[in-house]
Amino acid sequence: MEKKQAEKKPIGNKTTTPNPNRQKMDIKGYFRGIRTETKKVVWPTRKELGSYTVVVVFTCFAFGLGIWVVDSLFLGALKYILNISL
């Protein structure tokens, strides 16, 4: 008897062969996998978390200030070009 080769299915421009060793995972196995991967995460210490928070807040403030400045410049330019006075 001849073994049938797995039929290649095109995905985009690539062709792939199905993996016969891959098993369907049930919902329990899915959450077990999430739990396993979560245990591998290196969580920050309280001190690191505080410093990261300060960096994020400062960055948000800096970007907000920068966007406000650019917006004000554009508004001033449009007022000048269109001769608008408020």
N, C-alpha and C. Protein backbone atom coordinates (compact mmCIF):
# COMPACT_ATOMS: atom_id res chain seq x y z
N MET A 1 0.83 -1.18 0.00
CA MET A 1 0.00 0.00 0.00
C MET A 1 0.87 1.24 0.00
N GLU A 2 0.48 2.19 -0.78
CA GLU A 2 1.23 3.44 -0.84
C GLU A 2 0.67 4.40 0.20
N LYS A 3 1.61 5.11 0.83
CA LYS A 3 1.18 6.13 1.77
C LYS A 3 0.80 7.37 0.98
N LYS A 4 -0.32 7.95 1.34
CA LYS A 4 -0.72 9.19 0.70
C LYS A 4 -0.02 10.35 1.36
N GLN A 5 0.53 11.23 0.55
CA GLN A 5 1.17 12.41 1.11
C GLN A 5 0.09 13.41 1.49
N ALA A 6 0.39 14.17 2.53
CA ALA A 6 -0.56 15.18 2.97
C ALA A 6 -0.72 16.22 1.87
N GLU A 7 -1.95 16.59 1.64
CA GLU A 7 -2.24 17.57 0.60
C GLU A 7 -1.80 18.95 1.06
N LYS A 8 -1.08 19.66 0.20
CA LYS A 8 -0.61 20.99 0.55
C LYS A 8 -1.74 21.99 0.35
N LYS A 9 -1.95 22.81 1.39
CA LYS A 9 -2.99 23.83 1.33
C LYS A 9 -2.33 25.19 1.22
N PRO A 10 -2.67 25.96 0.20
CA PRO A 10 -2.06 27.29 0.06
C PRO A 10 -2.60 28.27 1.09
N ILE A 11 -1.69 29.03 1.68
CA ILE A 11 -2.05 30.12 2.58
C ILE A 11 -1.34 31.34 2.04
N GLY A 12 -2.07 32.24 1.46
CA GLY A 12 -1.44 33.40 0.83
C GLY A 12 -0.60 32.91 -0.33
N ASN A 13 0.68 33.24 -0.31
CA ASN A 13 1.60 32.81 -1.35
C ASN A 13 2.38 31.57 -0.92
N LYS A 14 2.16 31.11 0.31
CA LYS A 14 2.92 29.97 0.82
C LYS A 14 2.06 28.71 0.81
N THR A 15 2.73 27.56 0.74
CA THR A 15 2.01 26.30 0.88
C THR A 15 2.53 25.60 2.12
N THR A 16 1.61 25.01 2.85
CA THR A 16 1.98 24.32 4.09
C THR A 16 1.39 22.92 4.08
N THR A 17 1.98 22.08 4.89
CA THR A 17 1.44 20.74 5.08
C THR A 17 0.91 20.66 6.50
N PRO A 18 -0.24 20.02 6.68
CA PRO A 18 -0.78 19.90 8.03
C PRO A 18 0.13 19.05 8.91
N ASN A 19 0.23 19.41 10.18
CA ASN A 19 1.06 18.69 11.13
C ASN A 19 0.25 17.56 11.75
N PRO A 20 0.58 16.30 11.48
CA PRO A 20 -0.23 15.19 12.01
C PRO A 20 -0.06 15.00 13.52
N ASN A 21 1.02 15.54 14.12
CA ASN A 21 1.25 15.37 15.55
C ASN A 21 0.48 16.38 16.40
N ARG A 22 -0.10 17.39 15.76
CA ARG A 22 -0.81 18.43 16.49
C ARG A 22 -2.16 17.89 16.97
N GLN A 23 -2.41 18.09 18.26
CA GLN A 23 -3.67 17.61 18.83
C GLN A 23 -4.57 18.79 19.15
N LYS A 24 -5.86 18.54 19.11
CA LYS A 24 -6.79 19.59 19.50
C LYS A 24 -6.69 19.78 21.00
N MET A 25 -6.74 21.06 21.42
CA MET A 25 -6.63 21.34 22.84
C MET A 25 -8.01 21.70 23.37
N ASP A 26 -8.39 21.09 24.46
CA ASP A 26 -9.67 21.43 25.07
C ASP A 26 -9.52 22.69 25.91
N ILE A 27 -10.60 23.20 26.42
CA ILE A 27 -10.61 24.46 27.16
C ILE A 27 -9.77 24.36 28.44
N LYS A 28 -9.80 23.19 29.07
CA LYS A 28 -9.01 22.97 30.29
C LYS A 28 -7.52 23.07 29.99
N GLY A 29 -7.11 22.43 28.90
CA GLY A 29 -5.70 22.48 28.49
C GLY A 29 -5.26 23.87 28.11
N TYR A 30 -6.18 24.63 27.52
CA TYR A 30 -5.88 26.00 27.15
C TYR A 30 -5.54 26.83 28.38
N PHE A 31 -6.40 26.76 29.40
CA PHE A 31 -6.16 27.54 30.61
C PHE A 31 -4.97 27.00 31.40
N ARG A 32 -4.70 25.72 31.32
CA ARG A 32 -3.52 25.14 31.95
C ARG A 32 -2.26 25.72 31.30
N GLY A 33 -2.29 25.87 29.98
CA GLY A 33 -1.17 26.46 29.26
C GLY A 33 -0.95 27.92 29.64
N ILE A 34 -2.06 28.65 29.80
CA ILE A 34 -1.95 30.05 30.24
C ILE A 34 -1.30 30.12 31.61
N ARG A 35 -1.73 29.24 32.51
CA ARG A 35 -1.18 29.23 33.87
C ARG A 35 0.31 28.92 33.86
N THR A 36 0.71 27.96 33.03
CA THR A 36 2.11 27.59 32.92
C THR A 36 2.95 28.75 32.41
N GLU A 37 2.45 29.43 31.37
CA GLU A 37 3.19 30.56 30.80
C GLU A 37 3.25 31.73 31.77
N THR A 38 2.19 31.95 32.54
CA THR A 38 2.17 33.04 33.51
C THR A 38 3.21 32.83 34.60
N LYS A 39 3.46 31.57 34.96
CA LYS A 39 4.48 31.28 35.98
C LYS A 39 5.89 31.62 35.48
N LYS A 40 6.08 31.65 34.16
CA LYS A 40 7.40 31.94 33.60
C LYS A 40 7.69 33.44 33.55
N VAL A 41 6.68 34.27 33.76
CA VAL A 41 6.85 35.72 33.68
C VAL A 41 7.68 36.21 34.85
N VAL A 42 8.61 37.12 34.58
CA VAL A 42 9.40 37.73 35.64
C VAL A 42 8.70 39.03 36.01
N TRP A 43 8.05 39.04 37.17
CA TRP A 43 7.28 40.19 37.60
C TRP A 43 8.19 41.24 38.22
N PRO A 44 7.89 42.54 37.98
CA PRO A 44 8.72 43.60 38.56
C PRO A 44 8.50 43.73 40.07
N THR A 45 9.54 44.21 40.75
CA THR A 45 9.40 44.45 42.19
C THR A 45 8.56 45.71 42.39
N ARG A 46 8.17 45.96 43.63
CA ARG A 46 7.36 47.15 43.93
C ARG A 46 8.11 48.43 43.57
N LYS A 47 9.42 48.45 43.84
CA LYS A 47 10.24 49.63 43.54
C LYS A 47 10.32 49.85 42.03
N GLU A 48 10.55 48.78 41.27
CA GLU A 48 10.61 48.88 39.81
C GLU A 48 9.27 49.35 39.25
N LEU A 49 8.19 48.81 39.78
CA LEU A 49 6.86 49.18 39.32
C LEU A 49 6.60 50.66 39.55
N GLY A 50 7.04 51.18 40.70
CA GLY A 50 6.88 52.61 40.98
C GLY A 50 7.65 53.46 40.00
N SER A 51 8.89 53.07 39.72
CA SER A 51 9.70 53.87 38.79
C SER A 51 9.14 53.78 37.36
N TYR A 52 8.65 52.61 36.96
CA TYR A 52 8.04 52.47 35.63
C TYR A 52 6.80 53.35 35.52
N THR A 53 6.02 53.43 36.60
CA THR A 53 4.81 54.25 36.60
C THR A 53 5.17 55.72 36.43
N VAL A 54 6.21 56.17 37.12
CA VAL A 54 6.64 57.57 37.00
C VAL A 54 7.07 57.85 35.56
N VAL A 55 7.79 56.94 34.94
CA VAL A 55 8.23 57.13 33.55
C VAL A 55 7.03 57.22 32.61
N VAL A 56 6.04 56.36 32.80
CA VAL A 56 4.86 56.37 31.94
C VAL A 56 4.08 57.67 32.10
N VAL A 57 3.86 58.11 33.34
CA VAL A 57 3.13 59.36 33.58
C VAL A 57 3.87 60.54 32.97
N PHE A 58 5.19 60.61 33.17
CA PHE A 58 6.00 61.69 32.61
C PHE A 58 5.94 61.69 31.09
N THR A 59 6.04 60.51 30.48
CA THR A 59 6.00 60.40 29.02
C THR A 59 4.64 60.86 28.48
N CYS A 60 3.56 60.45 29.14
CA CYS A 60 2.22 60.88 28.72
C CYS A 60 2.10 62.40 28.81
N PHE A 61 2.60 62.98 29.90
CA PHE A 61 2.55 64.43 30.07
C PHE A 61 3.37 65.12 28.98
N ALA A 62 4.56 64.62 28.69
CA ALA A 62 5.43 65.23 27.67
C ALA A 62 4.79 65.16 26.29
N PHE A 63 4.21 64.01 25.93
CA PHE A 63 3.55 63.89 24.64
C PHE A 63 2.33 64.80 24.57
N GLY A 64 1.56 64.88 25.63
CA GLY A 64 0.40 65.77 25.67
C GLY A 64 0.81 67.22 25.48
N LEU A 65 1.87 67.63 26.15
CA LEU A 65 2.38 68.99 26.01
C LEU A 65 2.86 69.24 24.58
N GLY A 66 3.56 68.29 24.00
CA GLY A 66 4.04 68.42 22.63
C GLY A 66 2.91 68.54 21.64
N ILE A 67 1.88 67.73 21.80
CA ILE A 67 0.72 67.78 20.90
C ILE A 67 0.00 69.13 21.05
N TRP A 68 -0.11 69.63 22.28
CA TRP A 68 -0.75 70.93 22.52
C TRP A 68 0.03 72.05 21.82
N VAL A 69 1.35 72.00 21.90
CA VAL A 69 2.18 73.03 21.26
C VAL A 69 1.99 73.00 19.75
N VAL A 70 2.06 71.81 19.15
CA VAL A 70 1.89 71.69 17.69
C VAL A 70 0.49 72.16 17.29
N ASP A 71 -0.53 71.77 18.06
CA ASP A 71 -1.90 72.19 17.77
C ASP A 71 -2.03 73.71 17.85
N SER A 72 -1.42 74.32 18.86
CA SER A 72 -1.48 75.78 19.00
C SER A 72 -0.78 76.47 17.83
N LEU A 73 0.34 75.92 17.38
CA LEU A 73 1.04 76.50 16.22
C LEU A 73 0.18 76.43 14.96
N PHE A 74 -0.45 75.28 14.73
CA PHE A 74 -1.33 75.14 13.57
C PHE A 74 -2.52 76.10 13.66
N LEU A 75 -3.10 76.23 14.85
CA LEU A 75 -4.22 77.14 15.03
C LEU A 75 -3.80 78.58 14.74
N GLY A 76 -2.63 78.97 15.25
CA GLY A 76 -2.13 80.31 14.98
C GLY A 76 -1.87 80.54 13.50
N ALA A 77 -1.31 79.54 12.83
CA ALA A 77 -1.05 79.65 11.40
C ALA A 77 -2.35 79.78 10.61
N LEU A 78 -3.35 78.98 10.97
CA LEU A 78 -4.64 79.06 10.27
C LEU A 78 -5.32 80.41 10.50
N LYS A 79 -5.24 80.92 11.74
CA LYS A 79 -5.82 82.23 12.03
C LYS A 79 -5.13 83.31 11.18
N TYR A 80 -3.83 83.22 11.05
CA TYR A 80 -3.06 84.20 10.28
C TYR A 80 -3.42 84.10 8.79
N ILE A 81 -3.45 82.85 8.25
CA ILE A 81 -3.71 82.66 6.83
C ILE A 81 -5.13 83.07 6.46
N LEU A 82 -6.11 82.73 7.29
CA LEU A 82 -7.51 83.00 6.97
C LEU A 82 -8.02 84.31 7.54
N ASN A 83 -7.15 85.10 8.19
CA ASN A 83 -7.53 86.38 8.81
C ASN A 83 -8.73 86.23 9.75
N ILE A 84 -8.63 85.25 10.64
CA ILE A 84 -9.69 85.01 11.61
C ILE A 84 -9.26 85.58 12.94
N SER A 85 -10.18 86.31 13.59
CA SER A 85 -9.88 86.79 14.95
C SER A 85 -11.01 86.33 15.86
N LEU A 86 -10.65 85.81 16.98
CA LEU A 86 -11.67 85.31 17.92
C LEU A 86 -11.87 86.27 19.05
